[in-house]
Amino acid sequence: MKIGAKKSIVVACDFTSMSNLEQVVSKTFDLNGVGGYKIGFGLALKYGLPSIVDSIRRYTNKPVIYDHQKGGTDVPHTGAIFAEIMAEAKADYAILFPFSGPSTEIAWIEALLKKGIVPIVGAVMTIPDFLKKDGGHIDEGSTSRIFDIATSHGVKDFVLPGNKPDVALDYMHRLEKMAPSSTYFLPGLGAQGGDIQQCAKVMGENWHAIVGRSIYAAKDVRAATLSLINGLLLG
């Protein structure tokens, strides 16, 4: 199942407490502006991804995105193992940051598609010192190549850094030429400095804000989520 709305808040559940998951989902699942839930490795490793998906399904059938942080960086043949687990857990999407090389990227994308899991491919992280020009290890030629390979293998869902709106907009323009009408998922909003209204002004119609701490660490989870939904729609 894919997210039905063109714009939404995807709640990032990057914590390790099952009670926190129950609290977040129970207070947000009925909000129209919530498109789905992103599960990080913390919950998945502690409780098992199938049980996490089952817990969410007690409240809603909204899509579940699994973020292995960072998936797609192993050898090619392990993509089939990963995809099988995603399918058995009934996840809807899986996020890949395939830094290992083209063979791994292609194998993991194809394995997920074969199992009916939607791959979301990212290449630029939200940390300040990620790209080589900013003191990091990865050059822009490599990130562009990751996206080129993804689009050539049918991917139309991508992660872009929400706290780097100029970078996100630049990559969106490139991706639209290769894969028109793609959908974008933007982390880095809120606690990492990104502004949802600023992104809403430049990201077009098909994008989803991935927000974690600004929701699950808030005193009033529902009110915080509603505020973000308003920012998304009014930006």
C-alpha atoms as a PDB file:
ATOM      1  CA  MET A   1       0.000   0.000   0.000  1.00  0.00           C
ATOM      2  CA  LYS A   2       1.305   3.443  -0.932  1.00  0.00           C
ATOM      3  CA  ILE A   3       0.476   6.702   0.802  1.00  0.00           C
ATOM      4  CA  GLY A   4      -2.746   7.972  -0.723  1.00  0.00           C
ATOM      5  CA  ALA A   5      -2.271  11.703  -0.167  1.00  0.00           C
ATOM      6  CA  LYS A   6       0.121  13.760  -2.263  1.00  0.00           C
ATOM      7  CA  LYS A   7       1.371  15.505   0.888  1.00  0.00           C
ATOM      8  CA  SER A   8       1.477  14.200   4.438  1.00  0.00           C
ATOM      9  CA  ILE A   9       3.377  13.872   7.675  1.00  0.00           C
ATOM     10  CA  VAL A  10       5.204  10.571   8.055  1.00  0.00           C
ATOM     11  CA  VAL A  11       5.834  10.010  11.753  1.00  0.00           C
ATOM     12  CA  ALA A  12       9.370   8.759  12.376  1.00  0.00           C
ATOM     13  CA  CYS A  13       9.366   6.302  15.264  1.00  0.00           C
ATOM     14  CA  ASP A  14      13.108   6.334  15.942  1.00  0.00           C
ATOM     15  CA  PHE A  15      13.023   5.138  19.535  1.00  0.00           C
ATOM     16  CA  THR A  16      13.118   1.811  21.366  1.00  0.00           C
ATOM     17  CA  SER A  17       9.990   1.809  23.516  1.00  0.00           C
ATOM     18  CA  MET A  18       6.874  -0.127  22.562  1.00  0.00           C
ATOM     19  CA  SER A  19       4.820   2.050  24.907  1.00  0.00           C
ATOM     20  CA  ASN A  20       6.061   5.136  23.051  1.00  0.00           C
ATOM     21  CA  LEU A  21       4.964   3.544  19.782  1.00  0.00           C
ATOM     22  CA  GLU A  22       1.493   2.833  21.167  1.00  0.00           C
ATOM     23  CA  GLN A  23       1.216   6.402  22.434  1.00  0.00           C
ATOM     24  CA  VAL A  24       2.322   8.021  19.179  1.00  0.00           C
ATOM     25  CA  VAL A  25       0.188   5.858  16.905  1.00  0.00           C
ATOM     26  CA  SER A  26      -2.926   5.967  19.100  1.00  0.00           C
ATOM     27  CA  LYS A  27      -2.854   9.772  19.180  1.00  0.00           C
ATOM     28  CA  THR A  28      -2.170  10.364  15.484  1.00  0.00           C
ATOM     29  CA  PHE A  29      -3.518   7.509  13.360  1.00  0.00           C
ATOM     30  CA  ASP A  30      -6.912   9.148  12.726  1.00  0.00           C
ATOM     31  CA  LEU A  31      -5.469  12.456  11.501  1.00  0.00           C
ATOM     32  CA  ASN A  32      -5.969  12.862   7.755  1.00  0.00           C
ATOM     33  CA  GLY A  33      -2.631  14.603   7.397  1.00  0.00           C
ATOM     34  CA  VAL A  34      -0.675  11.625   8.739  1.00  0.00           C
ATOM     35  CA  GLY A  35       0.366   9.478   5.796  1.00  0.00           C
ATOM     36  CA  GLY A  36       2.164   6.662   7.583  1.00  0.00           C
ATOM     37  CA  TYR A  37       4.807   5.613  10.088  1.00  0.00           C
ATOM     38  CA  LYS A  38       8.542   5.187   9.630  1.00  0.00           C
ATOM     39  CA  ILE A  39      10.107   2.495  11.811  1.00  0.00           C
ATOM     40  CA  GLY A  40      13.802   2.665  12.632  1.00  0.00           C
ATOM     41  CA  PHE A  41      16.208  -0.111  13.551  1.00  0.00           C
ATOM     42  CA  GLY A  42      15.753   0.484  17.298  1.00  0.00           C
ATOM     43  CA  LEU A  43      12.217  -0.842  17.494  1.00  0.00           C
ATOM     44  CA  ALA A  44      12.827  -3.476  14.825  1.00  0.00           C
ATOM     45  CA  LEU A  45      15.897  -4.955  16.513  1.00  0.00           C
ATOM     46  CA  LYS A  46      14.404  -4.877  19.987  1.00  0.00           C
ATOM     47  CA  TYR A  47      10.951  -6.304  19.233  1.00  0.00           C
ATOM     48  CA  GLY A  48      11.105  -7.646  15.674  1.00  0.00           C
ATOM     49  CA  LEU A  49       9.642  -5.839  12.692  1.00  0.00           C
ATOM     50  CA  PRO A  50       6.586  -8.138  12.347  1.00  0.00           C
ATOM     51  CA  SER A  51       5.444  -7.368  15.895  1.00  0.00           C
ATOM     52  CA  ILE A  52       5.957  -3.640  15.330  1.00  0.00           C
ATOM     53  CA  VAL A  53       3.862  -3.720  12.165  1.00  0.00           C
ATOM     54  CA  ASP A  54       1.183  -5.750  13.981  1.00  0.00           C
ATOM     55  CA  SER A  55       1.080  -3.142  16.761  1.00  0.00           C
ATOM     56  CA  ILE A  56       0.503  -0.368  14.241  1.00  0.00           C
ATOM     57  CA  ARG A  57      -2.112  -2.428  12.399  1.00  0.00           C
ATOM     58  CA  ARG A  58      -4.221  -2.597  15.571  1.00  0.00           C
ATOM     59  CA  TYR A  59      -4.910   1.082  14.954  1.00  0.00           C
ATOM     60  CA  THR A  60      -4.532   1.738  11.250  1.00  0.00           C
ATOM     61  CA  ASN A  61      -3.779   0.360   7.799  1.00  0.00           C
ATOM     62  CA  LYS A  62      -1.718   3.416   6.899  1.00  0.00           C
ATOM     63  CA  PRO A  63       1.595   2.459   5.272  1.00  0.00           C
ATOM     64  CA  VAL A  64       4.604   1.384   7.295  1.00  0.00           C
ATOM     65  CA  ILE A  65       8.045   2.427   6.082  1.00  0.00           C
ATOM     66  CA  TYR A  66      11.059   0.529   7.363  1.00  0.00           C
ATOM     67  CA  ASP A  67      14.310   2.481   7.608  1.00  0.00           C
ATOM     68  CA  HIS A  68      17.270   0.156   8.240  1.00  0.00           C
ATOM     69  CA  GLN A  69      19.592   3.166   8.652  1.00  0.00           C
ATOM     70  CA  LYS A  70      21.216   2.656   6.170  1.00  0.00           C
ATOM     71  CA  GLY A  71      19.798  -0.187   4.099  1.00  0.00           C
ATOM     72  CA  GLY A  72      21.385  -1.207   0.830  1.00  0.00           C
ATOM     73  CA  THR A  73      25.037  -1.012   1.901  1.00  0.00           C
ATOM     74  CA  ASP A  74      25.823  -4.735   2.020  1.00  0.00           C
ATOM     75  CA  VAL A  75      26.744  -7.179  -0.747  1.00  0.00           C
ATOM     76  CA  PRO A  76      24.215  -7.764  -3.547  1.00  0.00           C
ATOM     77  CA  HIS A  77      22.846 -11.193  -2.591  1.00  0.00           C
ATOM     78  CA  THR A  78      21.687 -10.003   0.848  1.00  0.00           C
ATOM     79  CA  GLY A  79      19.059  -7.845  -0.832  1.00  0.00           C
ATOM     80  CA  ALA A  80      16.880 -10.921  -1.322  1.00  0.00           C
ATOM     81  CA  ILE A  81      17.097 -11.732   2.400  1.00  0.00           C
ATOM     82  CA  PHE A  82      16.176  -8.171   3.311  1.00  0.00           C
ATOM     83  CA  ALA A  83      13.255  -8.120   0.876  1.00  0.00           C
ATOM     84  CA  GLU A  84      11.922 -11.436   2.160  1.00  0.00           C
ATOM     85  CA  ILE A  85      11.897 -10.112   5.725  1.00  0.00           C
ATOM     86  CA  MET A  86      10.150  -6.915   4.614  1.00  0.00           C
ATOM     87  CA  ALA A  87       7.456  -8.941   2.852  1.00  0.00           C
ATOM     88  CA  GLU A  88       6.940 -11.333   5.768  1.00  0.00           C
ATOM     89  CA  ALA A  89       6.618  -8.386   8.151  1.00  0.00           C
ATOM     90  CA  LYS A  90       4.085  -6.778   5.766  1.00  0.00           C
ATOM     91  CA  ALA A  91       6.015  -3.517   5.496  1.00  0.00           C
ATOM     92  CA  ASP A  92       4.914  -1.279   2.644  1.00  0.00           C
ATOM     93  CA  TYR A  93       8.118   0.627   1.912  1.00  0.00           C
ATOM     94  CA  ALA A  94      11.822   0.233   2.670  1.00  0.00           C
ATOM     95  CA  ILE A  95      14.380   3.035   2.623  1.00  0.00           C
ATOM     96  CA  LEU A  96      17.728   2.386   0.942  1.00  0.00           C
ATOM     97  CA  PHE A  97      20.907   4.469   0.975  1.00  0.00           C
ATOM     98  CA  PRO A  98      22.937   2.246  -1.374  1.00  0.00           C
ATOM     99  CA  PHE A  99      26.470   3.521  -0.818  1.00  0.00           C
ATOM    100  CA  SER A 100      28.180   0.158  -1.494  1.00  0.00           C
ATOM    101  CA  GLY A 101      28.043   0.382  -5.270  1.00  0.00           C
ATOM    102  CA  PRO A 102      25.859  -0.168  -8.345  1.00  0.00           C
ATOM    103  CA  SER A 103      25.631  -3.954  -8.082  1.00  0.00           C
ATOM    104  CA  THR A 104      24.261  -3.790  -4.547  1.00  0.00           C
ATOM    105  CA  GLU A 105      21.909  -0.930  -5.381  1.00  0.00           C
ATOM    106  CA  ILE A 106      20.424  -2.743  -8.363  1.00  0.00           C
ATOM    107  CA  ALA A 107      20.124  -6.073  -6.528  1.00  0.00           C
ATOM    108  CA  TRP A 108      18.383  -4.565  -3.506  1.00  0.00           C
ATOM    109  CA  ILE A 109      15.982  -2.475  -5.586  1.00  0.00           C
ATOM    110  CA  GLU A 110      15.042  -5.457  -7.745  1.00  0.00           C
ATOM    111  CA  ALA A 111      14.620  -7.723  -4.715  1.00  0.00           C
ATOM    112  CA  LEU A 112      12.221  -5.286  -3.036  1.00  0.00           C
ATOM    113  CA  LEU A 113      10.203  -4.732  -6.199  1.00  0.00           C
ATOM    114  CA  LYS A 114       9.929  -8.486  -6.719  1.00  0.00           C
ATOM    115  CA  LYS A 115       8.367  -8.815  -3.256  1.00  0.00           C
ATOM    116  CA  GLY A 116       5.995  -5.896  -3.768  1.00  0.00           C
ATOM    117  CA  ILE A 117       7.845  -3.558  -1.396  1.00  0.00           C
ATOM    118  CA  VAL A 118       8.272   0.031  -2.584  1.00  0.00           C
ATOM    119  CA  PRO A 119      11.928   1.106  -2.453  1.00  0.00           C
ATOM    120  CA  ILE A 120      12.620   4.680  -1.355  1.00  0.00           C
ATOM    121  CA  VAL A 121      16.159   5.605  -2.387  1.00  0.00           C
ATOM    122  CA  GLY A 122      18.258   8.279  -0.742  1.00  0.00           C
ATOM    123  CA  ALA A 123      21.793   9.460  -1.430  1.00  0.00           C
ATOM    124  CA  VAL A 124      22.296  12.627   0.650  1.00  0.00           C
ATOM    125  CA  MET A 125      22.051  12.548   4.435  1.00  0.00           C
ATOM    126  CA  THR A 126      20.908  15.375   6.696  1.00  0.00           C
ATOM    127  CA  ILE A 127      24.150  15.680   8.700  1.00  0.00           C
ATOM    128  CA  PRO A 128      26.142  18.871   7.987  1.00  0.00           C
ATOM    129  CA  ASP A 129      29.419  17.143   7.076  1.00  0.00           C
ATOM    130  CA  PHE A 130      28.058  14.530   4.681  1.00  0.00           C
ATOM    131  CA  LEU A 131      29.125  15.736   1.231  1.00  0.00           C
ATOM    132  CA  LYS A 132      32.847  15.961   0.490  1.00  0.00           C
ATOM    133  CA  LYS A 133      32.599  19.695  -0.171  1.00  0.00           C
ATOM    134  CA  ASP A 134      31.325  20.073   3.416  1.00  0.00           C
ATOM    135  CA  GLY A 135      34.026  17.906   4.977  1.00  0.00           C
ATOM    136  CA  GLY A 136      32.410  14.517   4.392  1.00  0.00           C
ATOM    137  CA  HIS A 137      33.349  11.361   2.509  1.00  0.00           C
ATOM    138  CA  ILE A 138      30.823  11.340  -0.359  1.00  0.00           C
ATOM    139  CA  ASP A 139      31.138  13.467  -3.492  1.00  0.00           C
ATOM    140  CA  GLU A 140      28.213  14.804  -5.485  1.00  0.00           C
ATOM    141  CA  GLY A 141      29.090  12.683  -8.485  1.00  0.00           C
ATOM    142  CA  SER A 142      28.438   9.580  -6.384  1.00  0.00           C
ATOM    143  CA  THR A 143      25.110  10.818  -5.059  1.00  0.00           C
ATOM    144  CA  SER A 144      23.950  11.723  -8.560  1.00  0.00           C
ATOM    145  CA  ARG A 145      24.946   8.297  -9.827  1.00  0.00           C
ATOM    146  CA  ILE A 146      22.928   6.606  -7.066  1.00  0.00           C
ATOM    147  CA  PHE A 147      19.826   8.501  -8.184  1.00  0.00           C
ATOM    148  CA  ASP A 148      20.571   7.837 -11.866  1.00  0.00           C
ATOM    149  CA  ILE A 149      20.727   4.090 -11.241  1.00  0.00           C
ATOM    150  CA  ALA A 150      17.571   4.161  -9.124  1.00  0.00           C
ATOM    151  CA  THR A 151      15.506   5.952 -11.756  1.00  0.00           C
ATOM    152  CA  SER A 152      16.766   3.623 -14.488  1.00  0.00           C
ATOM    153  CA  HIS A 153      15.459   0.672 -12.455  1.00  0.00           C
ATOM    154  CA  GLY A 154      11.968   2.032 -11.937  1.00  0.00           C
ATOM    155  CA  VAL A 155      12.284   3.843  -8.616  1.00  0.00           C
ATOM    156  CA  LYS A 156       9.988   6.852  -8.233  1.00  0.00           C
ATOM    157  CA  ASP A 157      10.262   7.470  -4.479  1.00  0.00           C
ATOM    158  CA  PHE A 158      13.261   9.303  -3.064  1.00  0.00           C
ATOM    159  CA  VAL A 159      14.661  10.667   0.206  1.00  0.00           C
ATOM    160  CA  LEU A 160      15.970  14.237   0.115  1.00  0.00           C
ATOM    161  CA  PRO A 161      17.380  16.283   3.045  1.00  0.00           C
ATOM    162  CA  GLY A 162      14.702  18.576   4.450  1.00  0.00           C
ATOM    163  CA  ASN A 163      17.196  20.646   6.431  1.00  0.00           C
ATOM    164  CA  LYS A 164      19.073  21.438   3.209  1.00  0.00           C
ATOM    165  CA  PRO A 165      16.265  22.887   1.062  1.00  0.00           C
ATOM    166  CA  ASP A 166      18.583  24.162  -1.676  1.00  0.00           C
ATOM    167  CA  VAL A 167      20.154  20.704  -2.012  1.00  0.00           C
ATOM    168  CA  ALA A 168      16.733  19.028  -1.941  1.00  0.00           C
ATOM    169  CA  LEU A 169      15.366  21.360  -4.615  1.00  0.00           C
ATOM    170  CA  ASP A 170      18.399  20.839  -6.850  1.00  0.00           C
ATOM    171  CA  TYR A 171      18.092  17.044  -6.703  1.00  0.00           C
ATOM    172  CA  MET A 172      14.327  17.222  -7.175  1.00  0.00           C
ATOM    173  CA  HIS A 173      14.801  19.161 -10.414  1.00  0.00           C
ATOM    174  CA  ARG A 174      17.309  16.562 -11.627  1.00  0.00           C
ATOM    175  CA  LEU A 175      15.072  13.652 -10.667  1.00  0.00           C
ATOM    176  CA  GLU A 176      12.007  15.140 -12.308  1.00  0.00           C
ATOM    177  CA  LYS A 177      13.840  15.042 -15.645  1.00  0.00           C
ATOM    178  CA  MET A 178      14.577  11.319 -15.239  1.00  0.00           C
ATOM    179  CA  ALA A 179      11.464  10.189 -13.373  1.00  0.00           C
ATOM    180  CA  PRO A 180       8.599  12.683 -13.770  1.00  0.00           C
ATOM    181  CA  SER A 181       5.927  12.795 -11.049  1.00  0.00           C
ATOM    182  CA  SER A 182       8.174  11.182  -8.469  1.00  0.00           C
ATOM    183  CA  THR A 183       7.427  11.357  -4.745  1.00  0.00           C
ATOM    184  CA  TYR A 184       9.862  12.778  -2.199  1.00  0.00           C
ATOM    185  CA  PHE A 185      10.348  12.051   1.483  1.00  0.00           C
ATOM    186  CA  LEU A 186      12.093  14.738   3.516  1.00  0.00           C
ATOM    187  CA  PRO A 187      13.679  14.027   6.926  1.00  0.00           C
ATOM    188  CA  GLY A 188      15.693  16.625   8.852  1.00  0.00           C
ATOM    189  CA  LEU A 189      12.687  18.790   9.746  1.00  0.00           C
ATOM    190  CA  GLY A 190      12.204  20.159  13.239  1.00  0.00           C
ATOM    191  CA  ALA A 191      14.931  18.969  15.606  1.00  0.00           C
ATOM    192  CA  GLN A 192      17.536  18.883  12.822  1.00  0.00           C
ATOM    193  CA  GLY A 193      16.804  22.438  11.772  1.00  0.00           C
ATOM    194  CA  GLY A 194      14.617  22.031   8.696  1.00  0.00           C
ATOM    195  CA  ASP A 195      11.503  24.175   8.367  1.00  0.00           C
ATOM    196  CA  ILE A 196       8.395  22.459   7.047  1.00  0.00           C
ATOM    197  CA  GLN A 197       6.812  25.621   5.668  1.00  0.00           C
ATOM    198  CA  GLN A 198       9.988  26.552   3.814  1.00  0.00           C
ATOM    199  CA  CYS A 199      10.099  23.100   2.209  1.00  0.00           C
ATOM    200  CA  ALA A 200       6.396  23.294   1.376  1.00  0.00           C
ATOM    201  CA  LYS A 201       7.043  26.417  -0.692  1.00  0.00           C
ATOM    202  CA  VAL A 202       9.577  24.727  -2.976  1.00  0.00           C
ATOM    203  CA  MET A 203       8.883  20.983  -3.064  1.00  0.00           C
ATOM    204  CA  GLY A 204       5.824  20.904  -5.294  1.00  0.00           C
ATOM    205  CA  GLU A 205       2.823  18.630  -4.850  1.00  0.00           C
ATOM    206  CA  ASN A 206       4.227  15.147  -4.214  1.00  0.00           C
ATOM    207  CA  TRP A 207       6.205  15.079  -1.016  1.00  0.00           C
ATOM    208  CA  HIS A 208       6.002  13.882   2.569  1.00  0.00           C
ATOM    209  CA  ALA A 209       7.623  15.365   5.649  1.00  0.00           C
ATOM    210  CA  ILE A 210       9.338  12.769   7.845  1.00  0.00           C
ATOM    211  CA  VAL A 211       9.196  14.093  11.402  1.00  0.00           C
ATOM    212  CA  GLY A 212      10.311  12.328  14.575  1.00  0.00           C
ATOM    213  CA  ARG A 213      11.415  14.153  17.707  1.00  0.00           C
ATOM    214  CA  SER A 214       9.185  17.173  17.137  1.00  0.00           C
ATOM    215  CA  ILE A 215       6.268  14.749  17.481  1.00  0.00           C
ATOM    216  CA  TYR A 216       7.247  11.914  19.826  1.00  0.00           C
ATOM    217  CA  ALA A 217       9.158  14.158  22.263  1.00  0.00           C
ATOM    218  CA  ALA A 218       6.358  16.730  22.449  1.00  0.00           C
ATOM    219  CA  LYS A 219       4.256  17.134  25.586  1.00  0.00           C
ATOM    220  CA  ASP A 220       1.128  16.922  23.450  1.00  0.00           C
ATOM    221  CA  VAL A 221       1.807  14.520  20.570  1.00  0.00           C
ATOM    222  CA  ARG A 222      -1.494  15.142  18.816  1.00  0.00           C
ATOM    223  CA  ALA A 223      -1.257  18.936  19.009  1.00  0.00           C
ATOM    224  CA  ALA A 224       2.310  18.870  17.719  1.00  0.00           C
ATOM    225  CA  THR A 225       1.278  16.694  14.790  1.00  0.00           C
ATOM    226  CA  LEU A 226      -1.666  18.938  13.933  1.00  0.00           C
ATOM    227  CA  SER A 227       0.630  21.969  13.969  1.00  0.00           C
ATOM    228  CA  LEU A 228       2.985  20.250  11.523  1.00  0.00           C
ATOM    229  CA  ILE A 229       0.080  19.258   9.267  1.00  0.00           C
ATOM    230  CA  ASN A 230      -1.022  22.899   9.160  1.00  0.00           C
ATOM    231  CA  GLY A 231       2.505  23.977   8.285  1.00  0.00           C
ATOM    232  CA  LEU A 232       2.667  21.414   5.496  1.00  0.00           C
ATOM    233  CA  LEU A 233      -0.626  22.484   3.956  1.00  0.00           C
ATOM    234  CA  LEU A 234      -0.225  26.244   4.442  1.00  0.00           C
ATOM    235  CA  GLY A 235       3.423  26.581   3.417  1.00  0.00           C
END
